[in-house]
Protein backbone atom coordinates (compact mmCIF):
# COMPACT_ATOMS: atom_id res chain seq x y z
CA MET A 1 31.91 -185.25 22.40
CA GLY A 2 29.03 -187.23 21.00
CA LYS A 3 26.49 -185.02 19.36
CA VAL A 4 27.43 -181.72 21.13
CA ASP A 5 28.60 -178.98 18.72
CA VAL A 6 31.71 -177.76 20.74
CA SER A 7 31.82 -174.72 18.50
CA GLU A 8 28.80 -173.57 20.42
CA TYR A 9 30.90 -173.30 23.74
CA THR A 10 33.58 -171.28 25.18
CA ILE A 11 35.61 -170.67 28.23
CA VAL A 12 35.18 -167.75 30.56
CA SER A 13 36.19 -166.57 34.02
CA PRO A 14 32.93 -166.96 35.90
CA ASN A 15 30.87 -164.46 37.44
CA GLU A 16 29.58 -164.37 40.96
CA ALA A 17 26.31 -166.26 40.29
CA GLN A 18 28.49 -168.84 38.09
CA VAL A 19 30.82 -169.28 41.06
CA ASP A 20 27.81 -169.97 43.36
CA GLN A 21 26.53 -172.50 40.83
CA GLY A 22 30.17 -173.98 40.89
CA HIS A 23 30.11 -174.53 44.47
CA ARG A 24 26.84 -176.22 44.50
CA ASN A 25 27.92 -178.71 41.76
CA ILE A 26 31.06 -179.40 43.80
CA TYR A 27 28.84 -180.03 46.90
CA ASP A 28 26.62 -182.53 45.08
CA HIS A 29 29.51 -184.43 43.46
CA TRP A 30 31.81 -184.67 46.62
CA GLY A 31 30.31 -182.93 49.63
CA LYS A 32 26.94 -184.12 50.51
CA ARG A 33 28.20 -187.35 52.36
CA ILE A 34 30.55 -185.11 54.40
CA ALA A 35 28.67 -182.11 55.64
CA ALA A 36 25.64 -179.76 55.41
CA TYR A 37 26.06 -177.44 52.45
CA GLU A 38 26.54 -174.35 55.01
CA GLN A 39 29.29 -176.24 56.53
CA PHE A 40 30.95 -177.16 53.06
CA LEU A 41 31.13 -173.57 52.23
CA GLY A 42 33.81 -173.25 54.82
CA TYR A 43 35.81 -175.42 52.76
CA PHE A 44 35.68 -172.78 49.82
CA SER A 45 36.41 -170.12 52.26
CA LEU A 46 39.62 -171.92 53.27
CA ILE A 47 40.57 -172.53 49.46
CA GLU A 48 39.87 -169.05 48.58
CA GLU A 49 41.81 -167.41 51.51
CA GLY A 50 44.86 -169.68 51.77
CA PRO A 51 48.40 -168.58 51.02
CA TRP A 52 48.18 -170.78 47.57
CA ALA A 53 45.30 -168.28 46.35
CA ALA A 54 47.13 -165.18 47.37
CA ASP A 55 47.98 -162.40 44.89
CA GLY A 56 45.51 -164.03 42.22
CA ALA A 57 47.11 -167.37 42.21
CA LEU A 58 43.62 -169.22 42.48
CA GLN A 59 41.44 -168.70 39.29
CA SER A 60 38.10 -170.16 38.43
CA TRP A 61 37.02 -171.16 34.96
CA ALA A 62 33.61 -172.29 33.34
CA LEU A 63 32.45 -173.76 30.18
CA VAL A 64 29.51 -171.76 28.80
CA ARG A 65 27.34 -171.37 25.63
CA ARG A 66 28.61 -168.52 23.52
CA ASP A 67 25.32 -167.19 23.40
CA ASP A 68 24.75 -167.17 27.18
CA SER A 69 28.19 -166.55 28.64
CA GLY A 70 26.98 -165.36 31.88
CA GLY A 71 24.44 -167.99 32.33
CA GLU A 72 24.54 -171.76 32.87
CA VAL A 73 27.77 -173.65 33.58
CA TYR A 74 28.41 -176.84 31.78
CA ALA A 75 31.73 -177.68 33.37
CA ALA A 76 34.13 -175.88 35.81
CA CYS A 77 37.69 -176.13 37.33
CA HIS A 78 40.10 -174.06 39.32
CA THR A 79 43.79 -173.35 38.44
CA TYR A 80 46.50 -172.66 40.90
CA ARG A 81 49.40 -170.57 39.66
CA ARG A 82 52.73 -172.13 40.67
CA ARG A 83 56.46 -172.16 39.91
CA ILE A 84 58.38 -175.22 38.40
CA LEU A 85 62.07 -175.50 38.16
CA VAL A 86 63.11 -176.44 34.63
CA LYS A 87 66.42 -177.47 33.08
CA ARG A 88 65.83 -177.37 29.37
CA LYS A 89 67.24 -179.83 26.85
CA GLY A 90 70.71 -179.00 26.09
CA SER A 91 70.81 -176.36 28.75
CA SER A 92 73.14 -176.11 31.71
CA GLU A 93 70.85 -173.53 33.55
CA VAL A 94 67.89 -174.28 36.08
CA VAL A 95 65.22 -171.59 35.84
CA SER A 96 62.00 -171.06 37.37
CA LEU A 97 58.89 -170.65 35.19
CA PRO A 98 55.15 -170.47 35.65
CA THR A 99 53.02 -173.36 35.80
CA TYR A 100 49.41 -174.12 36.80
CA ALA A 101 47.95 -177.09 38.75
CA ILE A 102 44.26 -177.96 37.69
CA GLY A 103 41.86 -178.80 40.69
CA ILE A 104 38.29 -179.63 41.18
CA VAL A 105 37.21 -180.40 37.60
CA VAL A 106 33.40 -180.88 37.81
CA THR A 107 30.33 -181.36 35.58
CA PRO A 108 26.85 -180.83 36.77
CA PRO A 109 25.04 -184.26 36.94
CA LYS A 110 22.53 -183.50 34.28
CA HIS A 111 25.33 -182.47 31.64
CA ARG A 112 27.61 -185.64 32.44
CA GLY A 113 28.55 -187.83 29.54
CA ASN A 114 28.75 -185.18 26.98
CA GLY A 115 32.33 -184.29 27.00
CA TYR A 116 31.89 -180.88 28.54
CA ALA A 117 34.94 -181.33 30.99
CA THR A 118 37.15 -182.54 28.19
CA HIS A 119 36.33 -179.63 26.13
CA LEU A 120 36.88 -177.15 28.94
CA LEU A 121 40.32 -178.42 29.53
CA ARG A 122 41.03 -178.41 25.76
CA LEU A 123 40.19 -174.77 25.74
CA LEU A 124 42.19 -174.08 29.08
CA HIS A 125 45.26 -174.83 27.45
CA TYR A 126 44.81 -171.81 25.01
CA GLN A 127 44.66 -169.70 28.32
CA LEU A 128 47.33 -171.10 30.15
CA ALA A 129 50.02 -171.29 27.39
CA GLU A 130 50.96 -168.74 24.80
CA PRO A 131 48.63 -169.69 21.89
CA ALA A 132 51.40 -169.09 19.42
CA ASP A 133 53.46 -171.90 21.07
CA LEU A 134 50.44 -174.33 20.70
CA PRO A 135 48.93 -176.03 17.55
CA THR A 136 46.62 -173.74 15.65
CA PHE A 137 43.24 -173.52 17.31
CA PRO A 138 41.07 -175.97 15.40
CA PRO A 139 38.27 -174.33 13.30
CA SER A 140 35.78 -177.26 14.38
CA TRP A 141 35.95 -175.59 17.90
CA GLY A 142 34.72 -172.26 16.54
CA GLU A 143 36.46 -168.91 17.15
CA PRO A 144 39.43 -169.11 19.69
CA PRO A 145 38.13 -167.77 23.14
CA ALA A 146 39.02 -164.27 24.23
CA GLN A 147 42.27 -164.21 26.41
CA VAL A 148 41.01 -163.85 29.91
CA THR A 149 42.61 -160.72 31.45
CA LEU A 150 42.78 -160.51 35.18
CA SER A 151 43.53 -157.34 37.32
CA SER A 152 47.28 -157.84 36.66
CA PRO A 153 48.98 -159.63 33.83
CA ALA A 154 51.21 -161.10 36.62
CA HIS A 155 48.30 -163.13 37.82
CA LEU A 156 47.99 -165.25 34.54
CA PRO A 157 51.56 -165.50 33.03
CA LYS A 158 51.96 -167.86 30.17
CA ALA A 159 53.06 -171.36 31.40
CA ILE A 160 55.55 -173.96 30.10
CA ALA A 161 53.15 -176.98 31.31
CA SER A 162 50.27 -177.49 33.43
CA VAL A 163 49.61 -180.46 35.76
CA LEU A 164 46.51 -182.24 37.62
CA TYR A 165 46.06 -185.52 39.64
CA SER A 166 43.80 -187.80 38.10
CA GLY A 167 41.27 -189.83 40.43
CA ILE A 168 39.62 -191.67 37.18
CA GLY A 169 42.64 -193.40 35.68
CA PRO A 170 45.42 -192.39 33.39
CA SER A 171 43.72 -192.15 29.95
CA PHE A 172 40.81 -189.77 30.61
CA TYR A 173 42.79 -186.52 30.86
CA ALA A 174 45.12 -187.44 27.98
CA LYS A 175 42.10 -186.98 25.70
CA CYS A 176 41.98 -183.21 26.86
CA THR A 177 44.01 -182.60 23.81
CA VAL A 178 46.04 -179.67 23.11
CA GLY A 179 44.31 -178.90 19.63
CA LEU A 180 42.97 -181.94 17.77
CA HIS A 181 45.74 -184.40 18.17
CA ARG A 182 48.55 -183.48 20.71
CA PRO A 183 48.02 -185.33 23.96
CA GLY A 184 46.63 -183.48 26.96
CA TYR A 185 47.53 -184.67 30.44
CA LEU A 186 50.29 -187.66 30.15
CA VAL A 187 50.77 -190.00 33.16
CA ASN A 188 54.04 -191.82 33.68
CA GLN A 189 52.45 -194.86 35.14
CA SER A 190 55.76 -196.34 36.11
CA SER A 191 56.21 -193.63 38.78
CA CYS A 192 52.65 -193.97 40.18
CA THR A 193 53.52 -196.37 42.84
CA GLU A 194 52.67 -196.48 46.65
CA LEU A 195 54.71 -198.11 49.43
CA SER A 196 52.84 -199.13 52.46
CA TRP A 197 54.08 -200.49 55.77
CA ASP A 198 53.21 -201.36 59.26
CA ILE A 199 53.75 -198.74 62.15
CA LEU A 200 55.54 -200.38 65.09
CA GLU A 201 55.75 -199.18 68.74
CA SER A 202 57.99 -196.17 68.91
CA PRO A 203 60.66 -195.95 71.65
CA TYR A 204 60.27 -192.16 71.49
CA ASP A 205 57.72 -189.48 72.14
CA LEU A 206 57.06 -186.08 70.69
CA SER A 207 59.42 -184.71 73.15
CA GLU A 208 62.46 -186.65 71.71
CA SER A 209 65.40 -184.36 71.14
CA LYS A 210 66.24 -186.43 67.97
CA PHE A 211 63.45 -185.12 66.06
CA GLN A 212 62.62 -181.49 65.32
CA TRP A 213 58.86 -181.32 64.47
CA ILE A 214 57.67 -179.05 61.73
CA SER A 215 54.38 -177.13 62.20
CA LEU A 216 52.34 -175.69 59.58
CA GLU A 217 53.71 -172.30 60.24
CA ASP A 218 57.24 -173.42 59.59
CA LEU A 219 56.45 -174.78 56.01
CA PRO A 220 57.10 -171.61 54.12
CA SER A 221 60.73 -171.33 55.46
CA VAL A 222 60.93 -175.37 54.76
CA GLY A 223 59.79 -174.89 51.25
CA HIS A 224 62.51 -172.26 50.57
CA GLU A 225 65.12 -174.72 51.73
CA LEU A 226 63.60 -177.70 49.93
CA SER A 227 63.60 -175.55 46.71
CA GLN A 228 67.45 -174.84 46.84
CA ILE A 229 68.00 -178.73 47.32
CA ALA A 230 65.64 -179.48 44.50
CA SER A 231 67.48 -177.00 42.30
CA LYS A 232 70.75 -178.32 43.26
CA LYS A 233 69.42 -181.92 42.35
CA LEU A 234 68.14 -180.97 38.98
CA ASP A 235 71.25 -179.12 38.14
CA GLY A 236 72.84 -182.48 38.38
CA ILE A 237 70.61 -184.08 35.97
CA ASP A 238 71.86 -184.77 32.35
CA THR A 239 69.63 -182.90 29.99
CA SER A 240 71.63 -183.36 26.60
CA LEU A 241 68.60 -185.71 25.32
CA ARG A 242 65.37 -184.31 27.52
CA THR A 243 64.20 -181.51 29.46
CA ALA A 244 63.81 -182.05 33.39
CA MET A 245 61.16 -180.58 35.44
CA VAL A 246 60.47 -180.67 39.18
CA PRO A 247 57.64 -178.44 41.03
CA ASP A 248 59.02 -175.68 43.20
CA PRO A 249 58.48 -176.24 46.83
CA ALA A 250 59.03 -172.35 47.47
CA THR A 251 55.82 -171.58 45.42
CA PRO A 252 53.72 -169.83 48.29
CA GLY A 253 51.23 -172.19 49.93
CA THR A 254 51.84 -175.14 47.59
CA ILE A 255 53.65 -177.21 50.33
CA SER A 256 51.20 -176.51 52.84
CA PHE A 257 48.05 -177.06 50.75
CA VAL A 258 47.57 -180.87 51.43
CA PRO A 259 48.47 -180.59 55.28
CA SER A 260 46.00 -177.70 55.64
CA GLN A 261 43.10 -179.86 54.19
CA ALA A 262 44.12 -182.84 56.30
CA MET A 263 44.07 -180.49 59.42
CA ARG A 264 40.56 -179.26 58.57
CA ARG A 265 39.15 -182.65 58.59
CA ALA A 266 40.98 -183.41 61.92
CA GLN A 267 38.11 -184.42 64.51
CA SER A 268 39.80 -182.77 67.37
CA ALA A 269 41.84 -179.86 68.53
CA THR A 270 44.70 -182.17 69.74
CA ALA A 271 44.89 -183.84 66.31
CA GLN A 272 44.76 -180.18 64.48
CA ALA A 273 47.65 -179.15 66.78
CA LEU A 274 49.98 -182.14 65.77
CA PRO A 275 53.16 -181.43 63.64
CA CYS A 276 52.78 -182.11 59.91
CA GLY A 277 56.53 -182.80 59.35
CA VAL A 278 59.73 -183.76 60.93
CA ARG A 279 63.48 -182.84 60.52
CA PHE A 280 66.33 -184.79 61.87
CA LYS A 281 70.01 -185.42 61.47
CA GLY A 282 70.66 -188.59 59.64
CA TYR A 283 73.54 -190.98 60.51
CA ASP A 284 75.45 -189.70 57.54
CA GLY A 285 75.46 -186.13 58.84
CA GLU A 286 72.66 -184.88 56.30
CA ASP A 287 69.27 -183.26 57.44
CA VAL A 288 66.46 -185.49 56.38
CA VAL A 289 63.12 -183.50 56.07
CA VAL A 290 59.84 -185.22 55.86
CA ILE A 291 56.36 -183.81 55.43
CA PHE A 292 53.31 -186.00 56.06
CA VAL A 293 49.66 -185.91 56.99
CA ASN A 294 47.11 -188.12 58.78
CA ASN A 295 43.86 -188.58 56.66
CA PHE A 296 44.87 -187.64 53.28
CA ARG A 297 41.15 -187.90 52.26
CA SER A 298 38.17 -187.94 54.49
CA ASP A 299 37.88 -191.73 53.90
CA ASP A 300 41.37 -192.49 53.93
CA ALA A 301 43.09 -193.22 57.25
CA GLY A 302 46.49 -193.42 58.01
CA ILE A 303 49.79 -191.49 57.66
CA LEU A 304 50.88 -190.41 54.23
CA VAL A 305 54.34 -189.17 53.46
CA THR A 306 53.72 -186.13 51.10
CA LEU A 307 57.42 -185.20 50.69
CA VAL A 308 60.73 -186.43 51.70
CA SER A 309 64.15 -185.03 51.35
CA ASN A 310 67.62 -186.74 51.65
CA LEU A 311 66.25 -189.94 52.61
CA ASN A 312 68.48 -193.03 52.02
CA VAL A 313 68.96 -196.64 53.41
CA VAL A 314 71.46 -195.25 56.13
CA ASN A 315 68.73 -193.18 57.73
CA LEU A 316 65.72 -195.26 57.06
CA GLU A 317 65.11 -196.58 60.56
CA LEU A 318 65.19 -193.16 62.09
CA PHE A 319 62.83 -192.17 59.27
CA LEU A 320 60.47 -194.88 60.50
CA ALA A 321 60.94 -194.22 64.17
CA ALA A 322 59.67 -190.76 63.49
CA LEU A 323 56.60 -191.86 61.78
CA ASP A 324 55.89 -194.54 64.46
CA THR A 325 56.14 -191.64 66.94
CA ILE A 326 53.39 -189.44 65.30
CA ALA A 327 51.40 -192.37 64.35
CA ALA A 328 50.97 -193.32 68.00
CA SER A 329 49.77 -189.59 68.66
CA VAL A 330 46.87 -190.12 66.08
CA GLY A 331 46.25 -193.79 66.79
CA THR A 332 47.13 -195.30 63.50
CA THR A 333 48.92 -198.34 62.57
CA LYS A 334 49.45 -197.85 58.78
CA ALA A 335 51.58 -195.42 56.69
CA ARG A 336 52.22 -194.87 53.13
CA ALA A 337 54.49 -193.07 50.71
CA TRP A 338 54.70 -192.47 46.94
CA GLY A 339 57.53 -192.60 44.44
CA LEU A 340 60.23 -194.04 46.73
CA HIS A 341 60.30 -197.17 44.89
CA THR A 342 62.95 -195.91 42.33
CA ASP A 343 65.59 -196.00 45.11
CA LYS A 344 66.40 -199.93 44.91
CA GLU A 345 68.79 -199.80 47.94
CA LEU A 346 66.42 -198.19 50.18
CA VAL A 347 63.71 -200.79 49.27
CA GLN A 348 65.91 -203.77 49.67
CA GLY A 349 66.80 -202.34 53.10
CA TRP A 350 63.34 -201.72 54.03
CA GLU A 351 62.37 -205.20 53.11
CA THR A 352 64.70 -206.64 55.54
CA LEU A 353 63.27 -204.92 58.46
CA LYS A 354 61.31 -207.17 60.82
CA GLY A 355 57.66 -206.23 61.31
CA ARG A 356 57.24 -203.70 58.58
CA ASN A 357 55.46 -205.80 56.11
CA LEU A 358 56.45 -203.42 53.31
CA LYS A 359 54.28 -203.68 50.29
CA ILE A 360 54.58 -202.05 46.79
CA LYS A 361 51.73 -201.54 44.38
CA GLN A 362 50.54 -199.48 41.46
CA ARG A 363 48.26 -196.71 42.25
CA GLU A 364 44.92 -196.35 40.55
CA THR A 365 43.99 -192.92 41.68
CA ASP A 366 45.76 -189.51 42.26
CA LEU A 367 48.07 -190.01 39.33
CA LEU A 368 49.97 -186.98 38.30
CA GLY A 369 49.41 -185.75 34.49
CA VAL A 370 51.30 -183.31 32.72
CA ALA A 371 50.55 -181.30 29.64
CA TRP A 372 53.71 -179.86 27.99
CA TYR A 373 53.49 -176.54 26.30
CA GLY A 374 56.95 -176.41 24.96
CA PRO A 375 57.96 -177.82 21.50
CA GLU A 376 55.94 -180.91 20.69
CA ASP A 377 59.28 -182.63 19.65
CA GLU A 378 61.21 -181.87 22.83
CA GLU A 379 61.42 -184.77 25.15
CA TRP A 380 60.61 -184.00 28.83
CA GLU A 381 60.21 -185.76 32.08
CA MET A 382 58.62 -184.55 35.38
CA GLU A 383 60.98 -185.70 38.23
CA ASP A 384 58.68 -185.57 41.17
CA GLY A 385 55.30 -187.31 41.69
CA GLU A 386 54.98 -187.02 45.38
CA PRO A 387 51.66 -185.89 46.82
CA TRP A 388 52.69 -182.48 48.32
CA THR A 389 51.66 -180.84 44.85
CA ASP A 390 48.24 -182.38 44.93
CA CYS A 391 45.16 -179.96 44.94
């Protein structure tokens, strides 16, 4: 952290004035090119009132000076309490455990380059995990921060891991170490791929009976269904040598977070009313479920598949036809998906389809990083890197 003495700083749950300060910093960093400040505040209302924030699931954090804990904020972030399905090494049981997703990590412009955000996340590990399970708190960081207590202990349970999506490459957040030397957020770069393809004219429209369109209101029940599928899939994984984990789609609000943000950015009531997913009966008799968004980012046009369940090469053409249909409704000619490259049979079948122009590339942003809080010598792997867990 350069010349900054980190022992002079600590982590707190911010007061109202510090939260307002954080809103302004986020606006200065991301929002100025999008809207006026008053309009941008509507974004925070959506964040703070959505199902992903219910029952104390959303928590703000700030890095402050120890001698001015209610004053200036040097870095800030949010955490979303979620659930993760875990099958531990050597176990035959799938369990649901607490986890946290980190979002909106920001440092005020005048304080950038000093490592404040890095130290904030280093301290955050000791709030999210049981400190006794982590390396001894380094004396060079000063006294361990007081454990933040919320209105209910259930609002801040100790986690097995935390995750974030990096927009600045794979290495920065690994430096947000657990203690002095244990790596922070690790990115599995082999899973950070993107498939893109061309949309074709669809023979169907939104009234086609082959497709059951999924609305934002449908997503909670869909999430519970997908949770059962994910648990069954995890149960079939051999964990004799490593722990396997997958985010739980049944976590309130998680599966709807990204579609909700995309709909907020929609420029018309028609676009906002369009479905955010589709279910159809595959040729193999299995239900295929797909969740998608249009305009994943404000400057990122096109359809992005955020989650797909039960897709295989047999059902590929129906999958593509469904996306062609929704793309025609929003006027885009491009579509993308993450993580599907691991199904070699699917990719090979895709490459043979005329006019699709399938391309596979390594992603340079939105990279899933995982900080593991279990035993340091326990091998582990996150089984899902699709964008539905982004925040």
